[in-house]
Amino acid sequence: MTKPAGSAAPLSTPEAVRRKALALLERRDYGTAELTEKLVEKGAERADAEAAAARMVEYGFINDENYAAMVARHYAAKGYGAARIREELRRRRLGRELWDAALDAVPDNSDAAYRLFAAKMRGASGPDAARKASAALIRRGFGWDEVRAAMERYLAETENNE
């Protein structure tokens, strides 16, 4: 029986698992634990997946510290706050010990909080609109201090413009 065209080879040998790991890393970056889980999902035995991920670390194709910093910068650039970035780092199975260093590498996000608050307030005013805009910032992962600073800055600038 022949296998259908385009179907993946089974991950029954350590060499096949290593090839699959390389193929996955060609498409995008992964952390060690995330790559291991992806290989297991694709049908590899856990021991083979862990060995392949360890080999990718040896080769320098995976660096969890650099990957965590890259993820943090990416989500900060998209306008997310620290809480949301931490959640993304957790979701990608990066160790907690990497989170603080990754978040320290993120530039100050106060302008992003202000821009988002101002965008949510566009065409609206009053306490209800401010509450909704604040809630939107909280959902994006900004802390209460950042939300309050953005709201105070927005209110100060709108008072100066009137």
C-alpha atoms as a PDB file:
ATOM      1  CA  MET A   1       0.000   0.000   0.000  1.00  0.00           C
ATOM      2  CA  THR A   2       1.418   3.401  -0.927  1.00  0.00           C
ATOM      3  CA  LYS A   3       0.976   6.423   1.211  1.00  0.00           C
ATOM      4  CA  PRO A   4      -1.000   9.371  -0.178  1.00  0.00           C
ATOM      5  CA  ALA A   5       0.940  12.173  -1.795  1.00  0.00           C
ATOM      6  CA  GLY A   6       1.807  14.931   0.661  1.00  0.00           C
ATOM      7  CA  SER A   7       1.400  12.795   3.774  1.00  0.00           C
ATOM      8  CA  ALA A   8       4.135  13.115   6.357  1.00  0.00           C
ATOM      9  CA  ALA A   9       6.557  10.313   7.091  1.00  0.00           C
ATOM     10  CA  PRO A  10       5.938   8.622  10.419  1.00  0.00           C
ATOM     11  CA  LEU A  11       8.073   9.839  13.299  1.00  0.00           C
ATOM     12  CA  SER A  12       9.126   6.345  14.298  1.00  0.00           C
ATOM     13  CA  THR A  13      12.888   6.861  14.440  1.00  0.00           C
ATOM     14  CA  PRO A  14      15.016   9.428  16.267  1.00  0.00           C
ATOM     15  CA  GLU A  15      16.390  10.574  12.882  1.00  0.00           C
ATOM     16  CA  ALA A  16      12.866  11.201  11.561  1.00  0.00           C
ATOM     17  CA  VAL A  17      12.057  13.194  14.686  1.00  0.00           C
ATOM     18  CA  ARG A  18      15.212  15.324  14.249  1.00  0.00           C
ATOM     19  CA  ARG A  19      14.306  15.972  10.609  1.00  0.00           C
ATOM     20  CA  LYS A  20      10.794  17.011  11.658  1.00  0.00           C
ATOM     21  CA  ALA A  21      12.253  19.312  14.327  1.00  0.00           C
ATOM     22  CA  LEU A  22      14.420  20.984  11.694  1.00  0.00           C
ATOM     23  CA  ALA A  23      11.454  21.315   9.345  1.00  0.00           C
ATOM     24  CA  LEU A  24       9.395  22.971  12.093  1.00  0.00           C
ATOM     25  CA  LEU A  25      12.234  25.350  12.955  1.00  0.00           C
ATOM     26  CA  GLU A  26      12.538  26.354   9.301  1.00  0.00           C
ATOM     27  CA  ARG A  27       9.014  27.797   9.495  1.00  0.00           C
ATOM     28  CA  ARG A  28       9.249  29.668  12.798  1.00  0.00           C
ATOM     29  CA  ASP A  29      11.090  29.847  16.109  1.00  0.00           C
ATOM     30  CA  TYR A  30      10.178  27.610  19.032  1.00  0.00           C
ATOM     31  CA  GLY A  31      11.208  27.254  22.625  1.00  0.00           C
ATOM     32  CA  THR A  32      12.547  23.903  23.824  1.00  0.00           C
ATOM     33  CA  ALA A  33       9.382  22.760  25.605  1.00  0.00           C
ATOM     34  CA  GLU A  34       7.126  24.101  22.853  1.00  0.00           C
ATOM     35  CA  LEU A  35       9.072  22.208  20.165  1.00  0.00           C
ATOM     36  CA  THR A  36       8.990  19.047  22.256  1.00  0.00           C
ATOM     37  CA  GLU A  37       5.199  19.262  22.614  1.00  0.00           C
ATOM     38  CA  LYS A  38       4.774  19.989  18.911  1.00  0.00           C
ATOM     39  CA  LEU A  39       6.819  16.906  17.996  1.00  0.00           C
ATOM     40  CA  VAL A  40       4.771  14.746  20.374  1.00  0.00           C
ATOM     41  CA  GLU A  41       1.586  16.122  18.762  1.00  0.00           C
ATOM     42  CA  LYS A  42       3.010  15.103  15.386  1.00  0.00           C
ATOM     43  CA  GLY A  43       3.446  11.513  16.569  1.00  0.00           C
ATOM     44  CA  ALA A  44       6.925  11.332  18.073  1.00  0.00           C
ATOM     45  CA  GLU A  45       7.651   9.463  21.269  1.00  0.00           C
ATOM     46  CA  ARG A  46       8.279  11.901  24.140  1.00  0.00           C
ATOM     47  CA  ALA A  47      11.853  10.660  24.693  1.00  0.00           C
ATOM     48  CA  ASP A  48      12.702  11.107  20.994  1.00  0.00           C
ATOM     49  CA  ALA A  49      11.076  14.558  20.955  1.00  0.00           C
ATOM     50  CA  GLU A  50      13.038  15.661  24.030  1.00  0.00           C
ATOM     51  CA  ALA A  51      16.266  14.336  22.526  1.00  0.00           C
ATOM     52  CA  ALA A  52      15.611  16.130  19.239  1.00  0.00           C
ATOM     53  CA  ALA A  53      14.851  19.395  21.031  1.00  0.00           C
ATOM     54  CA  ALA A  54      18.024  19.012  23.103  1.00  0.00           C
ATOM     55  CA  ARG A  55      19.990  18.454  19.902  1.00  0.00           C
ATOM     56  CA  MET A  56      18.514  21.639  18.403  1.00  0.00           C
ATOM     57  CA  VAL A  57      19.693  23.515  21.514  1.00  0.00           C
ATOM     58  CA  GLU A  58      23.178  22.010  21.066  1.00  0.00           C
ATOM     59  CA  TYR A  59      23.231  23.153  17.441  1.00  0.00           C
ATOM     60  CA  GLY A  60      22.150  26.637  18.529  1.00  0.00           C
ATOM     61  CA  PHE A  61      18.869  26.518  16.629  1.00  0.00           C
ATOM     62  CA  ILE A  62      16.926  27.018  19.874  1.00  0.00           C
ATOM     63  CA  ASN A  63      17.753  29.538  22.581  1.00  0.00           C
ATOM     64  CA  ASP A  64      14.916  29.899  25.085  1.00  0.00           C
ATOM     65  CA  GLU A  65      16.254  33.168  26.497  1.00  0.00           C
ATOM     66  CA  ASN A  66      16.448  34.842  23.081  1.00  0.00           C
ATOM     67  CA  TYR A  67      13.091  33.374  22.081  1.00  0.00           C
ATOM     68  CA  ALA A  68      11.419  34.736  25.237  1.00  0.00           C
ATOM     69  CA  ALA A  69      12.859  38.203  24.578  1.00  0.00           C
ATOM     70  CA  MET A  70      11.697  38.051  20.948  1.00  0.00           C
ATOM     71  CA  VAL A  71       8.154  37.045  21.968  1.00  0.00           C
ATOM     72  CA  ALA A  72       8.040  39.835  24.564  1.00  0.00           C
ATOM     73  CA  ARG A  73       9.238  42.472  22.061  1.00  0.00           C
ATOM     74  CA  HIS A  74       6.790  41.245  19.439  1.00  0.00           C
ATOM     75  CA  TYR A  75       3.746  41.505  21.690  1.00  0.00           C
ATOM     76  CA  ALA A  76       4.885  44.807  23.172  1.00  0.00           C
ATOM     77  CA  ALA A  77       5.179  46.204  19.640  1.00  0.00           C
ATOM     78  CA  LYS A  78       1.623  45.047  18.991  1.00  0.00           C
ATOM     79  CA  GLY A  79       0.510  47.188  21.948  1.00  0.00           C
ATOM     80  CA  TYR A  80       0.086  44.560  24.660  1.00  0.00           C
ATOM     81  CA  GLY A  81       0.896  45.092  28.316  1.00  0.00           C
ATOM     82  CA  ALA A  82       3.081  43.067  30.650  1.00  0.00           C
ATOM     83  CA  ALA A  83       0.292  40.780  31.905  1.00  0.00           C
ATOM     84  CA  ARG A  84      -0.670  39.746  28.382  1.00  0.00           C
ATOM     85  CA  ILE A  85       2.975  39.233  27.440  1.00  0.00           C
ATOM     86  CA  ARG A  86       3.491  37.029  30.517  1.00  0.00           C
ATOM     87  CA  GLU A  87       0.477  34.973  29.479  1.00  0.00           C
ATOM     88  CA  GLU A  88       1.930  34.513  25.995  1.00  0.00           C
ATOM     89  CA  LEU A  89       5.269  33.427  27.448  1.00  0.00           C
ATOM     90  CA  ARG A  90       3.423  30.909  29.645  1.00  0.00           C
ATOM     91  CA  ARG A  91       1.366  29.663  26.713  1.00  0.00           C
ATOM     92  CA  ARG A  92       4.546  29.055  24.735  1.00  0.00           C
ATOM     93  CA  ARG A  93       5.870  26.952  27.634  1.00  0.00           C
ATOM     94  CA  LEU A  94       8.813  29.201  28.410  1.00  0.00           C
ATOM     95  CA  GLY A  95      10.122  28.900  31.961  1.00  0.00           C
ATOM     96  CA  ARG A  96       9.177  31.513  34.531  1.00  0.00           C
ATOM     97  CA  GLU A  97      12.839  32.224  35.142  1.00  0.00           C
ATOM     98  CA  LEU A  98      12.960  33.745  31.629  1.00  0.00           C
ATOM     99  CA  TRP A  99       9.944  36.026  31.989  1.00  0.00           C
ATOM    100  CA  ASP A 100      11.495  38.857  33.976  1.00  0.00           C
ATOM    101  CA  ALA A 101      14.517  39.161  31.716  1.00  0.00           C
ATOM    102  CA  ALA A 102      12.273  39.102  28.646  1.00  0.00           C
ATOM    103  CA  LEU A 103       9.992  41.786  30.080  1.00  0.00           C
ATOM    104  CA  ASP A 104      12.991  43.901  31.075  1.00  0.00           C
ATOM    105  CA  ALA A 105      14.046  43.888  27.414  1.00  0.00           C
ATOM    106  CA  VAL A 106      10.699  45.437  26.429  1.00  0.00           C
ATOM    107  CA  PRO A 107      10.763  49.206  26.023  1.00  0.00           C
ATOM    108  CA  ASP A 108       8.471  51.395  28.135  1.00  0.00           C
ATOM    109  CA  ASN A 109       4.890  50.814  27.037  1.00  0.00           C
ATOM    110  CA  SER A 110       3.297  53.983  28.457  1.00  0.00           C
ATOM    111  CA  ASP A 111       2.900  55.510  24.984  1.00  0.00           C
ATOM    112  CA  ALA A 112       1.153  52.367  23.746  1.00  0.00           C
ATOM    113  CA  ALA A 113      -1.253  52.509  26.695  1.00  0.00           C
ATOM    114  CA  TYR A 114      -1.956  56.172  26.040  1.00  0.00           C
ATOM    115  CA  ARG A 115      -2.493  55.655  22.302  1.00  0.00           C
ATOM    116  CA  LEU A 116      -4.890  52.785  22.937  1.00  0.00           C
ATOM    117  CA  PHE A 117      -6.773  54.773  25.584  1.00  0.00           C
ATOM    118  CA  ALA A 118      -7.053  57.780  23.261  1.00  0.00           C
ATOM    119  CA  ALA A 119      -8.249  55.557  20.405  1.00  0.00           C
ATOM    120  CA  LYS A 120     -10.936  54.031  22.621  1.00  0.00           C
ATOM    121  CA  MET A 121     -12.035  57.502  23.769  1.00  0.00           C
ATOM    122  CA  ARG A 122     -12.218  58.927  20.248  1.00  0.00           C
ATOM    123  CA  GLY A 123     -15.629  60.536  19.865  1.00  0.00           C
ATOM    124  CA  ALA A 124     -16.690  59.693  23.410  1.00  0.00           C
ATOM    125  CA  SER A 125     -16.508  61.399  26.766  1.00  0.00           C
ATOM    126  CA  GLY A 126     -17.605  60.917  30.315  1.00  0.00           C
ATOM    127  CA  PRO A 127     -16.979  58.407  33.039  1.00  0.00           C
ATOM    128  CA  ASP A 128     -18.702  55.521  31.247  1.00  0.00           C
ATOM    129  CA  ALA A 129     -16.492  55.916  28.171  1.00  0.00           C
ATOM    130  CA  ALA A 130     -13.388  56.189  30.387  1.00  0.00           C
ATOM    131  CA  ARG A 131     -14.410  53.015  32.249  1.00  0.00           C
ATOM    132  CA  LYS A 132     -14.852  51.133  28.965  1.00  0.00           C
ATOM    133  CA  ALA A 133     -11.523  52.422  27.631  1.00  0.00           C
ATOM    134  CA  SER A 134      -9.821  51.409  30.892  1.00  0.00           C
ATOM    135  CA  ALA A 135     -11.346  47.938  30.700  1.00  0.00           C
ATOM    136  CA  ALA A 136     -10.021  47.585  27.142  1.00  0.00           C
ATOM    137  CA  LEU A 137      -6.507  48.401  28.359  1.00  0.00           C
ATOM    138  CA  ILE A 138      -6.771  45.885  31.197  1.00  0.00           C
ATOM    139  CA  ARG A 139      -7.824  43.205  28.692  1.00  0.00           C
ATOM    140  CA  ARG A 140      -4.728  44.056  26.627  1.00  0.00           C
ATOM    141  CA  GLY A 141      -2.576  43.304  29.650  1.00  0.00           C
ATOM    142  CA  PHE A 142      -1.807  46.762  30.997  1.00  0.00           C
ATOM    143  CA  GLY A 143      -1.638  47.226  34.766  1.00  0.00           C
ATOM    144  CA  TRP A 144      -3.784  49.632  36.746  1.00  0.00           C
ATOM    145  CA  ASP A 145      -0.894  52.082  37.141  1.00  0.00           C
ATOM    146  CA  GLU A 146      -0.406  52.206  33.374  1.00  0.00           C
ATOM    147  CA  VAL A 147      -4.145  52.630  32.796  1.00  0.00           C
ATOM    148  CA  ARG A 148      -4.386  55.434  35.351  1.00  0.00           C
ATOM    149  CA  ALA A 149      -1.357  57.208  33.850  1.00  0.00           C
ATOM    150  CA  ALA A 150      -2.828  56.917  30.341  1.00  0.00           C
ATOM    151  CA  MET A 151      -6.202  58.234  31.513  1.00  0.00           C
ATOM    152  CA  GLU A 152      -4.619  61.161  33.406  1.00  0.00           C
ATOM    153  CA  ARG A 153      -2.470  62.039  30.397  1.00  0.00           C
ATOM    154  CA  TYR A 154      -5.487  61.864  28.093  1.00  0.00           C
ATOM    155  CA  LEU A 155      -7.620  64.023  30.364  1.00  0.00           C
ATOM    156  CA  ALA A 156      -4.819  66.578  30.785  1.00  0.00           C
ATOM    157  CA  GLU A 157      -4.306  66.817  27.038  1.00  0.00           C
ATOM    158  CA  THR A 158      -8.018  67.116  26.258  1.00  0.00           C
ATOM    159  CA  GLU A 159      -8.382  69.877  28.890  1.00  0.00           C
ATOM    160  CA  ASN A 160      -5.441  71.748  27.335  1.00  0.00           C
ATOM    161  CA  ASN A 161      -6.999  71.491  23.885  1.00  0.00           C
ATOM    162  CA  GLU A 162     -10.319  72.967  24.983  1.00  0.00           C
END
